[in-house]
């Protein structure tokens, strides 16, 4: 379903917005990954 929306938008020269929940989830996961890396660096140092 999403792929079809993206393909149709590309044919029109347009784009399809991502779902806000997906963006929020990726932001949270990125922040958690950053905190994990920081904890590893501080623990090793």
Protein backbone atom coordinates (compact mmCIF):
# COMPACT_ATOMS: atom_id res chain seq x y z
CA UNK A 1 0.00 0.00 0.00
CA UNK A 2 2.68 2.53 0.99
CA UNK A 3 4.87 1.50 -1.91
CA UNK A 4 2.03 2.14 -4.35
CA UNK A 5 1.49 5.63 -2.87
CA UNK A 6 5.20 6.39 -3.21
CA UNK A 7 5.37 5.05 -6.78
CA UNK A 8 2.35 7.13 -7.82
CA UNK A 9 3.80 10.23 -6.19
CA UNK A 10 7.11 9.73 -7.99
CA UNK A 11 5.30 9.44 -11.31
CA UNK A 12 3.62 12.78 -10.60
CA UNK A 13 6.92 14.33 -9.50
CA UNK A 14 5.54 14.69 -5.99
CA UNK A 15 6.24 13.09 -2.62
CA UNK A 16 4.23 11.39 0.09
CA UNK A 17 4.55 12.46 3.69
CA UNK A 18 5.58 9.85 6.21
CA UNK A 19 3.28 8.95 9.06
CA UNK A 20 3.97 11.11 12.11
CA UNK A 21 4.13 7.99 14.30
CA UNK A 22 6.95 6.58 12.18
CA UNK A 23 8.90 9.83 12.43
CA UNK A 24 8.39 9.96 16.21
CA UNK A 25 9.47 6.33 16.61
CA UNK A 26 12.65 6.88 14.58
CA UNK A 27 13.43 10.02 16.60
CA UNK A 28 13.03 8.17 19.89
CA UNK A 29 15.12 5.23 18.71
CA UNK A 30 17.85 7.60 17.49
CA UNK A 31 17.92 9.40 20.82
CA UNK A 32 18.12 6.10 22.72
CA UNK A 33 20.93 4.90 20.47
CA UNK A 34 22.79 8.15 21.08
CA UNK A 35 22.41 7.75 24.85
CA UNK A 36 23.63 4.16 24.62
CA UNK A 37 26.73 5.22 22.68
CA UNK A 38 27.39 8.00 25.20
CA UNK A 39 27.10 5.53 28.10
CA UNK A 40 29.54 3.15 26.37
CA UNK A 41 32.04 5.94 25.72
CA UNK A 42 31.84 7.15 29.33
CA UNK A 43 32.15 3.62 30.69
CA UNK A 44 35.24 2.91 28.57
CA UNK A 45 36.90 6.22 29.40
